[in-house]
C-alpha atoms as a PDB file:
ATOM      1  CA  UNK A   1      -0.437  21.600   9.524  1.00  0.00           C
ATOM      2  CA  UNK A   2       0.593  22.515   5.949  1.00  0.00           C
ATOM      3  CA  UNK A   3       1.395  19.412   3.964  1.00  0.00           C
ATOM      4  CA  UNK A   4       2.226  18.274   0.442  1.00  0.00           C
ATOM      5  CA  UNK A   5       1.032  14.943  -0.936  1.00  0.00           C
ATOM      6  CA  UNK A   6       2.284  13.267  -4.104  1.00  0.00           C
ATOM      7  CA  UNK A   7       0.649  10.161  -5.601  1.00  0.00           C
ATOM      8  CA  UNK A   8      -3.141   9.989  -5.811  1.00  0.00           C
ATOM      9  CA  UNK A   9      -3.984   6.402  -6.518  1.00  0.00           C
ATOM     10  CA  UNK A  10      -6.719   4.593  -4.611  1.00  0.00           C
ATOM     11  CA  UNK A  11      -4.739   4.797  -1.286  1.00  0.00           C
ATOM     12  CA  UNK A  12      -3.215   8.221  -1.799  1.00  0.00           C
ATOM     13  CA  UNK A  13      -6.527   9.936  -2.652  1.00  0.00           C
ATOM     14  CA  UNK A  14      -8.216   8.363   0.351  1.00  0.00           C
ATOM     15  CA  UNK A  15      -5.364   9.555   2.660  1.00  0.00           C
ATOM     16  CA  UNK A  16      -5.648  13.077   1.312  1.00  0.00           C
ATOM     17  CA  UNK A  17      -9.334  13.061   2.074  1.00  0.00           C
ATOM     18  CA  UNK A  18      -8.648  12.063   5.636  1.00  0.00           C
ATOM     19  CA  UNK A  19      -5.984  14.800   5.945  1.00  0.00           C
ATOM     20  CA  UNK A  20      -8.374  17.448   4.779  1.00  0.00           C
ATOM     21  CA  UNK A  21     -11.166  16.266   7.054  1.00  0.00           C
ATOM     22  CA  UNK A  22      -8.721  16.463   9.939  1.00  0.00           C
ATOM     23  CA  UNK A  23      -8.171  20.176   9.144  1.00  0.00           C
ATOM     24  CA  UNK A  24      -4.778  20.076   7.445  1.00  0.00           C
ATOM     25  CA  UNK A  25      -3.945  22.248   4.486  1.00  0.00           C
ATOM     26  CA  UNK A  26      -2.829  19.990   1.661  1.00  0.00           C
ATOM     27  CA  UNK A  27      -1.229  20.692  -1.653  1.00  0.00           C
ATOM     28  CA  UNK A  28      -1.433  17.730  -4.045  1.00  0.00           C
ATOM     29  CA  UNK A  29       0.422  16.563  -7.119  1.00  0.00           C
ATOM     30  CA  UNK A  30      -0.217  13.586  -9.358  1.00  0.00           C
ATOM     31  CA  UNK A  31       1.307  12.594 -12.694  1.00  0.00           C
ATOM     32  CA  UNK A  32      -2.224  12.569 -14.199  1.00  0.00           C
ATOM     33  CA  UNK A  33      -3.863  15.730 -13.047  1.00  0.00           C
ATOM     34  CA  UNK A  34      -7.465  14.422 -13.501  1.00  0.00           C
ATOM     35  CA  UNK A  35      -7.055  12.168 -10.365  1.00  0.00           C
ATOM     36  CA  UNK A  36      -6.329  15.217  -8.324  1.00  0.00           C
ATOM     37  CA  UNK A  37      -9.305  17.372  -9.467  1.00  0.00           C
ATOM     38  CA  UNK A  38     -12.059  15.679  -7.319  1.00  0.00           C
ATOM     39  CA  UNK A  39     -10.029  16.621  -4.223  1.00  0.00           C
ATOM     40  CA  UNK A  40     -10.372  20.349  -4.866  1.00  0.00           C
ATOM     41  CA  UNK A  41     -13.973  20.235  -3.703  1.00  0.00           C
ATOM     42  CA  UNK A  42     -12.716  19.123  -0.316  1.00  0.00           C
ATOM     43  CA  UNK A  43     -10.156  21.935  -0.132  1.00  0.00           C
ATOM     44  CA  UNK A  44      -7.017  20.464  -1.670  1.00  0.00           C
ATOM     45  CA  UNK A  45      -4.769  22.784  -3.800  1.00  0.00           C
ATOM     46  CA  UNK A  46      -3.497  21.176  -7.006  1.00  0.00           C
ATOM     47  CA  UNK A  47       0.067  22.083  -8.003  1.00  0.00           C
ATOM     48  CA  UNK A  48       2.014  21.379 -11.178  1.00  0.00           C
ATOM     49  CA  UNK A  49       5.237  19.848  -9.820  1.00  0.00           C
ATOM     50  CA  UNK A  50       6.378  17.771  -6.771  1.00  0.00           C
ATOM     51  CA  UNK A  51       8.659  20.624  -5.784  1.00  0.00           C
ATOM     52  CA  UNK A  52       5.675  22.991  -5.575  1.00  0.00           C
ATOM     53  CA  UNK A  53       3.871  20.367  -3.424  1.00  0.00           C
ATOM     54  CA  UNK A  54       6.685  20.371  -0.927  1.00  0.00           C
ATOM     55  CA  UNK A  55       7.598  24.066  -0.776  1.00  0.00           C
ATOM     56  CA  UNK A  56       6.219  26.068   2.165  1.00  0.00           C
ATOM     57  CA  UNK A  57       5.014  22.955   4.001  1.00  0.00           C
ATOM     58  CA  UNK A  58       5.685  21.334   7.350  1.00  0.00           C
ATOM     59  CA  UNK A  59       6.385  18.101   5.520  1.00  0.00           C
ATOM     60  CA  UNK A  60       5.494  16.077   2.403  1.00  0.00           C
ATOM     61  CA  UNK A  61       3.974  12.619   1.983  1.00  0.00           C
ATOM     62  CA  UNK A  62       4.267  10.133  -0.900  1.00  0.00           C
ATOM     63  CA  UNK A  63       2.136   7.169  -1.880  1.00  0.00           C
ATOM     64  CA  UNK A  64       3.636   5.744  -5.125  1.00  0.00           C
ATOM     65  CA  UNK A  65       3.892   2.439  -6.840  1.00  0.00           C
ATOM     66  CA  UNK A  66       7.612   1.624  -6.587  1.00  0.00           C
ATOM     67  CA  UNK A  67      11.129   2.878  -5.949  1.00  0.00           C
ATOM     68  CA  UNK A  68      11.539   4.120  -9.484  1.00  0.00           C
ATOM     69  CA  UNK A  69       8.502   6.308  -9.141  1.00  0.00           C
ATOM     70  CA  UNK A  70       9.658   7.577  -5.715  1.00  0.00           C
ATOM     71  CA  UNK A  71      13.097   8.395  -7.103  1.00  0.00           C
ATOM     72  CA  UNK A  72      11.613  10.372 -10.022  1.00  0.00           C
ATOM     73  CA  UNK A  73       9.259  12.368  -7.825  1.00  0.00           C
ATOM     74  CA  UNK A  74      11.879  13.241  -5.304  1.00  0.00           C
ATOM     75  CA  UNK A  75      15.015  13.679  -7.404  1.00  0.00           C
ATOM     76  CA  UNK A  76      13.706  14.295 -10.951  1.00  0.00           C
ATOM     77  CA  UNK A  77      13.154  17.600 -12.650  1.00  0.00           C
ATOM     78  CA  UNK A  78      11.249  19.915 -10.292  1.00  0.00           C
ATOM     79  CA  UNK A  79      11.420  17.139  -7.684  1.00  0.00           C
ATOM     80  CA  UNK A  80      10.766  17.361  -3.992  1.00  0.00           C
ATOM     81  CA  UNK A  81      14.483  17.500  -3.099  1.00  0.00           C
ATOM     82  CA  UNK A  82      14.628  20.927  -4.734  1.00  0.00           C
ATOM     83  CA  UNK A  83      12.008  22.451  -2.360  1.00  0.00           C
ATOM     84  CA  UNK A  84      13.395  25.096  -0.026  1.00  0.00           C
ATOM     85  CA  UNK A  85      13.253  24.378   3.696  1.00  0.00           C
ATOM     86  CA  UNK A  86      12.155  20.715   3.463  1.00  0.00           C
ATOM     87  CA  UNK A  87      12.364  18.986   6.917  1.00  0.00           C
ATOM     88  CA  UNK A  88      10.850  15.642   6.386  1.00  0.00           C
ATOM     89  CA  UNK A  89       9.368  13.329   3.818  1.00  0.00           C
ATOM     90  CA  UNK A  90       7.049  10.320   4.611  1.00  0.00           C
ATOM     91  CA  UNK A  91       7.013   7.542   2.059  1.00  0.00           C
ATOM     92  CA  UNK A  92       3.965   5.322   2.203  1.00  0.00           C
ATOM     93  CA  UNK A  93       5.056   3.420  -0.906  1.00  0.00           C
ATOM     94  CA  UNK A  94       5.948  -0.267  -0.458  1.00  0.00           C
ATOM     95  CA  UNK A  95       9.507  -0.558  -1.819  1.00  0.00           C
ATOM     96  CA  UNK A  96      12.731  -2.444  -1.272  1.00  0.00           C
ATOM     97  CA  UNK A  97      14.366  -1.798   2.113  1.00  0.00           C
ATOM     98  CA  UNK A  98      17.882  -1.297   0.536  1.00  0.00           C
ATOM     99  CA  UNK A  99      16.379   1.075  -2.092  1.00  0.00           C
ATOM    100  CA  UNK A 100      14.830   3.043   0.815  1.00  0.00           C
ATOM    101  CA  UNK A 101      18.153   3.329   2.607  1.00  0.00           C
ATOM    102  CA  UNK A 102      19.807   4.653  -0.557  1.00  0.00           C
ATOM    103  CA  UNK A 103      17.047   7.102  -1.234  1.00  0.00           C
ATOM    104  CA  UNK A 104      17.131   8.331   2.407  1.00  0.00           C
ATOM    105  CA  UNK A 105      20.935   8.875   2.238  1.00  0.00           C
ATOM    106  CA  UNK A 106      20.623  10.701  -1.016  1.00  0.00           C
ATOM    107  CA  UNK A 107      17.943  13.046   0.347  1.00  0.00           C
ATOM    108  CA  UNK A 108      19.925  13.817   3.414  1.00  0.00           C
ATOM    109  CA  UNK A 109      22.976  14.630   1.367  1.00  0.00           C
ATOM    110  CA  UNK A 110      20.924  16.653  -1.089  1.00  0.00           C
ATOM    111  CA  UNK A 111      18.978  18.909   1.282  1.00  0.00           C
ATOM    112  CA  UNK A 112      19.323  17.639   4.820  1.00  0.00           C
ATOM    113  CA  UNK A 113      15.729  16.377   5.084  1.00  0.00           C
ATOM    114  CA  UNK A 114      14.746  13.123   6.802  1.00  0.00           C
ATOM    115  CA  UNK A 115      13.258  10.324   4.686  1.00  0.00           C
ATOM    116  CA  UNK A 116      10.761   8.367   6.852  1.00  0.00           C
ATOM    117  CA  UNK A 117       9.785   5.054   5.277  1.00  0.00           C
ATOM    118  CA  UNK A 118       6.202   4.436   6.410  1.00  0.00           C
ATOM    119  CA  UNK A 119       4.458   1.593   4.476  1.00  0.00           C
ATOM    120  CA  UNK A 120       0.929   0.798   5.608  1.00  0.00           C
ATOM    121  CA  UNK A 121      -1.402  -2.111   6.203  1.00  0.00           C
ATOM    122  CA  UNK A 122      -5.181  -2.087   6.207  1.00  0.00           C
ATOM    123  CA  UNK A 123      -6.082  -1.090   2.677  1.00  0.00           C
ATOM    124  CA  UNK A 124      -8.623   1.489   1.638  1.00  0.00           C
ATOM    125  CA  UNK A 125     -11.087   0.374   4.387  1.00  0.00           C
ATOM    126  CA  UNK A 126      -8.309   1.125   6.949  1.00  0.00           C
ATOM    127  CA  UNK A 127      -7.725   4.566   5.509  1.00  0.00           C
ATOM    128  CA  UNK A 128     -11.417   5.450   5.476  1.00  0.00           C
ATOM    129  CA  UNK A 129     -11.832   4.245   9.062  1.00  0.00           C
ATOM    130  CA  UNK A 130      -8.660   5.913  10.253  1.00  0.00           C
ATOM    131  CA  UNK A 131      -7.305   2.536  11.540  1.00  0.00           C
ATOM    132  CA  UNK A 132      -4.255   1.847   9.312  1.00  0.00           C
ATOM    133  CA  UNK A 133      -1.265   0.132  10.763  1.00  0.00           C
ATOM    134  CA  UNK A 134       1.887   2.073   9.805  1.00  0.00           C
ATOM    135  CA  UNK A 135       5.444   0.758  10.321  1.00  0.00           C
ATOM    136  CA  UNK A 136       8.045   3.527  10.210  1.00  0.00           C
ATOM    137  CA  UNK A 137      11.752   3.522   9.795  1.00  0.00           C
ATOM    138  CA  UNK A 138      14.301   6.400   9.931  1.00  0.00           C
ATOM    139  CA  UNK A 139      15.480   9.159  12.153  1.00  0.00           C
ATOM    140  CA  UNK A 140      13.302  10.108  15.088  1.00  0.00           C
ATOM    141  CA  UNK A 141      14.131  13.809  14.825  1.00  0.00           C
ATOM    142  CA  UNK A 142      10.938  14.735  12.962  1.00  0.00           C
ATOM    143  CA  UNK A 143       8.921  11.649  13.778  1.00  0.00           C
ATOM    144  CA  UNK A 144       6.526  13.435  16.138  1.00  0.00           C
ATOM    145  CA  UNK A 145       5.481  15.921  13.424  1.00  0.00           C
ATOM    146  CA  UNK A 146       5.176  13.159  10.805  1.00  0.00           C
ATOM    147  CA  UNK A 147       3.110  11.002  13.193  1.00  0.00           C
ATOM    148  CA  UNK A 148       0.796  13.903  13.877  1.00  0.00           C
ATOM    149  CA  UNK A 149      -0.042  14.094  10.186  1.00  0.00           C
ATOM    150  CA  UNK A 150      -0.393  10.302   9.772  1.00  0.00           C
ATOM    151  CA  UNK A 151      -2.800  10.144  12.739  1.00  0.00           C
ATOM    152  CA  UNK A 152      -5.532  11.406  10.266  1.00  0.00           C
ATOM    153  CA  UNK A 153      -5.725   7.898   8.870  1.00  0.00           C
ATOM    154  CA  UNK A 154      -3.714   5.619  11.244  1.00  0.00           C
ATOM    155  CA  UNK A 155      -4.747   3.835  14.317  1.00  0.00           C
ATOM    156  CA  UNK A 156      -1.340   2.203  15.039  1.00  0.00           C
ATOM    157  CA  UNK A 157       2.070   3.770  14.223  1.00  0.00           C
ATOM    158  CA  UNK A 158       5.177   1.968  15.335  1.00  0.00           C
ATOM    159  CA  UNK A 159       8.754   3.138  14.813  1.00  0.00           C
ATOM    160  CA  UNK A 160      10.679  -0.037  13.970  1.00  0.00           C
ATOM    161  CA  UNK A 161      14.245   1.358  13.845  1.00  0.00           C
ATOM    162  CA  UNK A 162      16.629   2.961  11.342  1.00  0.00           C
ATOM    163  CA  UNK A 163      15.982   3.661   7.661  1.00  0.00           C
ATOM    164  CA  UNK A 164      14.510   0.619   5.814  1.00  0.00           C
ATOM    165  CA  UNK A 165      13.124  -1.227   8.816  1.00  0.00           C
ATOM    166  CA  UNK A 166       9.603   0.092   8.140  1.00  0.00           C
ATOM    167  CA  UNK A 167       9.812  -1.445   4.700  1.00  0.00           C
ATOM    168  CA  UNK A 168      11.219  -4.756   5.963  1.00  0.00           C
ATOM    169  CA  UNK A 169       8.326  -4.887   8.469  1.00  0.00           C
ATOM    170  CA  UNK A 170       5.860  -4.360   5.675  1.00  0.00           C
ATOM    171  CA  UNK A 171       7.381  -7.310   3.903  1.00  0.00           C
ATOM    172  CA  UNK A 172       6.674  -9.443   6.951  1.00  0.00           C
ATOM    173  CA  UNK A 173       3.119  -8.121   6.912  1.00  0.00           C
ATOM    174  CA  UNK A 174       2.796  -9.028   3.220  1.00  0.00           C
ATOM    175  CA  UNK A 175       4.181 -12.510   3.799  1.00  0.00           C
ATOM    176  CA  UNK A 176       1.436 -13.130   6.367  1.00  0.00           C
ATOM    177  CA  UNK A 177      -1.341 -11.499   4.313  1.00  0.00           C
ATOM    178  CA  UNK A 178      -0.484 -13.102   1.005  1.00  0.00           C
ATOM    179  CA  UNK A 179      -0.152 -16.583   2.410  1.00  0.00           C
ATOM    180  CA  UNK A 180      -3.457 -16.072   4.284  1.00  0.00           C
ATOM    181  CA  UNK A 181      -5.234 -15.051   1.075  1.00  0.00           C
ATOM    182  CA  UNK A 182      -3.760 -17.989  -0.869  1.00  0.00           C
ATOM    183  CA  UNK A 183      -4.901 -20.400   1.869  1.00  0.00           C
ATOM    184  CA  UNK A 184      -8.342 -18.815   1.858  1.00  0.00           C
ATOM    185  CA  UNK A 185      -8.619 -19.168  -1.920  1.00  0.00           C
ATOM    186  CA  UNK A 186      -7.690 -22.912  -1.643  1.00  0.00           C
ATOM    187  CA  UNK A 187     -10.246 -23.370   1.220  1.00  0.00           C
ATOM    188  CA  UNK A 188     -13.033 -21.814  -0.859  1.00  0.00           C
ATOM    189  CA  UNK A 189     -12.143 -23.975  -3.849  1.00  0.00           C
ATOM    190  CA  UNK A 190     -12.205 -27.048  -1.566  1.00  0.00           C
ATOM    191  CA  UNK A 191     -15.514 -26.027  -0.023  1.00  0.00           C
ATOM    192  CA  UNK A 192     -17.179 -25.533  -3.381  1.00  0.00           C
ATOM    193  CA  UNK A 193     -16.084 -28.970  -4.592  1.00  0.00           C
ATOM    194  CA  UNK A 194     -17.356 -30.576  -1.406  1.00  0.00           C
ATOM    195  CA  UNK A 195     -20.884 -29.363  -1.505  1.00  0.00           C
ATOM    196  CA  UNK A 196     -20.436 -26.641   1.142  1.00  0.00           C
ATOM    197  CA  UNK A 197     -22.451 -23.451   0.871  1.00  0.00           C
ATOM    198  CA  UNK A 198     -19.430 -21.105   0.489  1.00  0.00           C
ATOM    199  CA  UNK A 199     -21.449 -18.095   1.640  1.00  0.00           C
ATOM    200  CA  UNK A 200     -21.598 -19.660   5.065  1.00  0.00           C
ATOM    201  CA  UNK A 201     -17.884 -20.413   5.271  1.00  0.00           C
ATOM    202  CA  UNK A 202     -16.671 -17.110   6.838  1.00  0.00           C
ATOM    203  CA  UNK A 203     -19.588 -16.768   9.325  1.00  0.00           C
ATOM    204  CA  UNK A 204     -19.111 -20.429  10.339  1.00  0.00           C
ATOM    205  CA  UNK A 205     -15.462 -19.869  11.139  1.00  0.00           C
ATOM    206  CA  UNK A 206     -15.921 -16.527  12.903  1.00  0.00           C
ATOM    207  CA  UNK A 207     -14.487 -16.606  16.401  1.00  0.00           C
ATOM    208  CA  UNK A 208     -12.497 -19.769  15.857  1.00  0.00           C
ATOM    209  CA  UNK A 209      -8.777 -20.149  15.229  1.00  0.00           C
ATOM    210  CA  UNK A 210      -9.212 -19.750  11.454  1.00  0.00           C
ATOM    211  CA  UNK A 211     -10.913 -16.414  11.868  1.00  0.00           C
ATOM    212  CA  UNK A 212      -9.056 -13.318  10.589  1.00  0.00           C
ATOM    213  CA  UNK A 213      -9.521 -10.039   8.829  1.00  0.00           C
ATOM    214  CA  UNK A 214      -8.462 -11.631   5.486  1.00  0.00           C
ATOM    215  CA  UNK A 215     -11.154 -14.308   6.004  1.00  0.00           C
ATOM    216  CA  UNK A 216     -13.976 -11.927   6.723  1.00  0.00           C
ATOM    217  CA  UNK A 217     -12.941  -9.323   4.137  1.00  0.00           C
ATOM    218  CA  UNK A 218     -11.783 -11.465   1.249  1.00  0.00           C
ATOM    219  CA  UNK A 219     -13.977 -14.568   1.435  1.00  0.00           C
ATOM    220  CA  UNK A 220     -17.195 -12.720   0.323  1.00  0.00           C
ATOM    221  CA  UNK A 221     -15.148 -10.906  -2.340  1.00  0.00           C
ATOM    222  CA  UNK A 222     -13.731 -14.102  -3.723  1.00  0.00           C
ATOM    223  CA  UNK A 223     -17.178 -15.687  -3.922  1.00  0.00           C
ATOM    224  CA  UNK A 224     -18.648 -12.629  -5.687  1.00  0.00           C
ATOM    225  CA  UNK A 225     -16.310 -10.139  -7.382  1.00  0.00           C
ATOM    226  CA  UNK A 226     -17.160  -6.536  -6.440  1.00  0.00           C
ATOM    227  CA  UNK A 227     -17.272  -3.575  -8.790  1.00  0.00           C
ATOM    228  CA  UNK A 228     -14.756  -1.567  -6.712  1.00  0.00           C
ATOM    229  CA  UNK A 229     -11.256  -2.966  -6.087  1.00  0.00           C
ATOM    230  CA  UNK A 230      -9.661  -2.691  -2.690  1.00  0.00           C
ATOM    231  CA  UNK A 231      -6.108  -3.483  -3.816  1.00  0.00           C
ATOM    232  CA  UNK A 232      -4.631  -4.833  -6.998  1.00  0.00           C
ATOM    233  CA  UNK A 233      -3.187  -8.366  -7.365  1.00  0.00           C
ATOM    234  CA  UNK A 234      -0.242  -6.817  -9.238  1.00  0.00           C
ATOM    235  CA  UNK A 235       0.642  -4.776  -6.162  1.00  0.00           C
ATOM    236  CA  UNK A 236       0.683  -7.851  -3.957  1.00  0.00           C
ATOM    237  CA  UNK A 237       2.820  -9.719  -6.517  1.00  0.00           C
ATOM    238  CA  UNK A 238       5.332  -6.749  -6.600  1.00  0.00           C
ATOM    239  CA  UNK A 239       5.604  -6.900  -2.813  1.00  0.00           C
ATOM    240  CA  UNK A 240       6.039 -10.626  -2.694  1.00  0.00           C
ATOM    241  CA  UNK A 241       8.754 -10.450  -5.412  1.00  0.00           C
ATOM    242  CA  UNK A 242      10.496  -7.925  -3.256  1.00  0.00           C
ATOM    243  CA  UNK A 243      10.093 -10.177  -0.176  1.00  0.00           C
ATOM    244  CA  UNK A 244      11.575 -13.258  -1.948  1.00  0.00           C
ATOM    245  CA  UNK A 245      14.477 -11.224  -3.373  1.00  0.00           C
ATOM    246  CA  UNK A 246      15.335  -9.986   0.154  1.00  0.00           C
ATOM    247  CA  UNK A 247      14.899 -13.491   1.570  1.00  0.00           C
ATOM    248  CA  UNK A 248      17.443 -14.737  -0.913  1.00  0.00           C
ATOM    249  CA  UNK A 249      19.895 -12.017  -0.037  1.00  0.00           C
ATOM    250  CA  UNK A 250      19.583 -12.496   3.745  1.00  0.00           C
ATOM    251  CA  UNK A 251      19.338 -16.334   3.600  1.00  0.00           C
ATOM    252  CA  UNK A 252      15.870 -16.480   5.108  1.00  0.00           C
ATOM    253  CA  UNK A 253      14.013 -19.693   4.114  1.00  0.00           C
ATOM    254  CA  UNK A 254      10.516 -18.840   2.916  1.00  0.00           C
ATOM    255  CA  UNK A 255       9.073 -21.995   1.162  1.00  0.00           C
ATOM    256  CA  UNK A 256       5.438 -21.069   1.718  1.00  0.00           C
ATOM    257  CA  UNK A 257       5.791 -17.469   0.474  1.00  0.00           C
ATOM    258  CA  UNK A 258       7.722 -18.736  -2.567  1.00  0.00           C
ATOM    259  CA  UNK A 259       4.793 -20.958  -3.471  1.00  0.00           C
ATOM    260  CA  UNK A 260       2.376 -18.069  -3.090  1.00  0.00           C
ATOM    261  CA  UNK A 261       4.611 -15.947  -5.348  1.00  0.00           C
ATOM    262  CA  UNK A 262       4.083 -18.512  -8.096  1.00  0.00           C
ATOM    263  CA  UNK A 263       0.364 -18.695  -7.420  1.00  0.00           C
ATOM    264  CA  UNK A 264       0.166 -14.891  -7.784  1.00  0.00           C
ATOM    265  CA  UNK A 265       2.231 -15.072 -10.967  1.00  0.00           C
ATOM    266  CA  UNK A 266      -0.174 -17.612 -12.453  1.00  0.00           C
ATOM    267  CA  UNK A 267      -3.119 -15.333 -11.733  1.00  0.00           C
ATOM    268  CA  UNK A 268      -1.271 -12.452 -13.379  1.00  0.00           C
ATOM    269  CA  UNK A 269      -0.642 -14.661 -16.435  1.00  0.00           C
ATOM    270  CA  UNK A 270      -4.422 -15.298 -16.538  1.00  0.00           C
ATOM    271  CA  UNK A 271      -4.836 -11.579 -17.143  1.00  0.00           C
ATOM    272  CA  UNK A 272      -5.877 -10.742 -13.542  1.00  0.00           C
ATOM    273  CA  UNK A 273      -2.973  -8.493 -12.524  1.00  0.00           C
ATOM    274  CA  UNK A 274      -5.175  -5.379 -12.403  1.00  0.00           C
ATOM    275  CA  UNK A 275      -8.034  -7.120 -10.652  1.00  0.00           C
ATOM    276  CA  UNK A 276      -8.119  -7.020  -6.878  1.00  0.00           C
ATOM    277  CA  UNK A 277      -6.131  -9.624  -4.981  1.00  0.00           C
ATOM    278  CA  UNK A 278      -9.270 -11.637  -4.354  1.00  0.00           C
ATOM    279  CA  UNK A 279      -8.963 -12.747  -7.958  1.00  0.00           C
ATOM    280  CA  UNK A 280      -6.320 -15.224  -6.727  1.00  0.00           C
ATOM    281  CA  UNK A 281      -9.234 -17.613  -6.188  1.00  0.00           C
ATOM    282  CA  UNK A 282      -9.444 -17.974  -9.988  1.00  0.00           C
ATOM    283  CA  UNK A 283      -6.348 -20.113  -9.905  1.00  0.00           C
ATOM    284  CA  UNK A 284      -8.259 -22.849  -8.081  1.00  0.00           C
ATOM    285  CA  UNK A 285     -11.732 -21.862  -9.379  1.00  0.00           C
ATOM    286  CA  UNK A 286     -11.188 -20.846 -12.980  1.00  0.00           C
ATOM    287  CA  UNK A 287     -14.888 -20.215 -13.427  1.00  0.00           C
ATOM    288  CA  UNK A 288     -14.424 -17.035 -11.257  1.00  0.00           C
ATOM    289  CA  UNK A 289     -11.998 -15.461 -13.775  1.00  0.00           C
ATOM    290  CA  UNK A 290     -14.586 -13.772 -15.993  1.00  0.00           C
ATOM    291  CA  UNK A 291     -16.180 -11.901 -13.056  1.00  0.00           C
ATOM    292  CA  UNK A 292     -12.764 -10.446 -12.130  1.00  0.00           C
ATOM    293  CA  UNK A 293     -12.017  -9.578 -15.684  1.00  0.00           C
ATOM    294  CA  UNK A 294     -15.310  -7.537 -15.704  1.00  0.00           C
ATOM    295  CA  UNK A 295     -14.014  -5.842 -12.565  1.00  0.00           C
ATOM    296  CA  UNK A 296     -10.931  -4.678 -14.453  1.00  0.00           C
ATOM    297  CA  UNK A 297     -12.992  -3.202 -17.314  1.00  0.00           C
ATOM    298  CA  UNK A 298     -15.599  -1.607 -15.034  1.00  0.00           C
END
């Protein structure tokens, strides 16, 4: 399949690697070209504009920070919407459901292409293993072709309904993950203050009701900050801000998620926004902060 890909952050670059290994031809664009250059060794073709990334392809995929970035890449100068013959666009960015619906309507009116919202869960380890969970929203017309591309890095793809429902499902996911990480941080803080060997905590709870992927992945990373981040705290805060805003609009009570939002904001105020989300433990164990600050500067 001939594909375009825009947005080569940690997730986007890993996705492109999987697409290339699966045998797809991929044109790539990123605002800072240097992030694209390592992918040329794997067969990617670097282009100068998002429009070039989309032209002559079966479809184009995005992995960007927010709705503002997505709007600029699609509808800005030399944007994707100007590409001739575009059929579908997959957006892996995590953005507001209402913003997604507006962007999808605008793309359909502009060039007739389908906007498929397709946020993901599983992080970089999920991309590398090809096991990401992807929640999609939008028209089913081009969903089979889009899913065929996403299978390069996804193990579970579920169509949730019309435009925006993929993004709303991702917010449900983030509510569960963020509250789990916050509870884990508190448990590690409690364990350390009660003379428990924290290195034994995750193994001790394995197989019990407290066991989970966040426990097994993040507990060791909270105890000892790693050189390589697997997802920024600022990204989680952005998603939880979006969750709470949508909860207010829909009247959904979310007292636990609202508390976690403030915990994430405290960590950000401590200078840890660009550290990985494991740095949340620093709110309850301030002595961990310096190690995560070193992660940022590494």
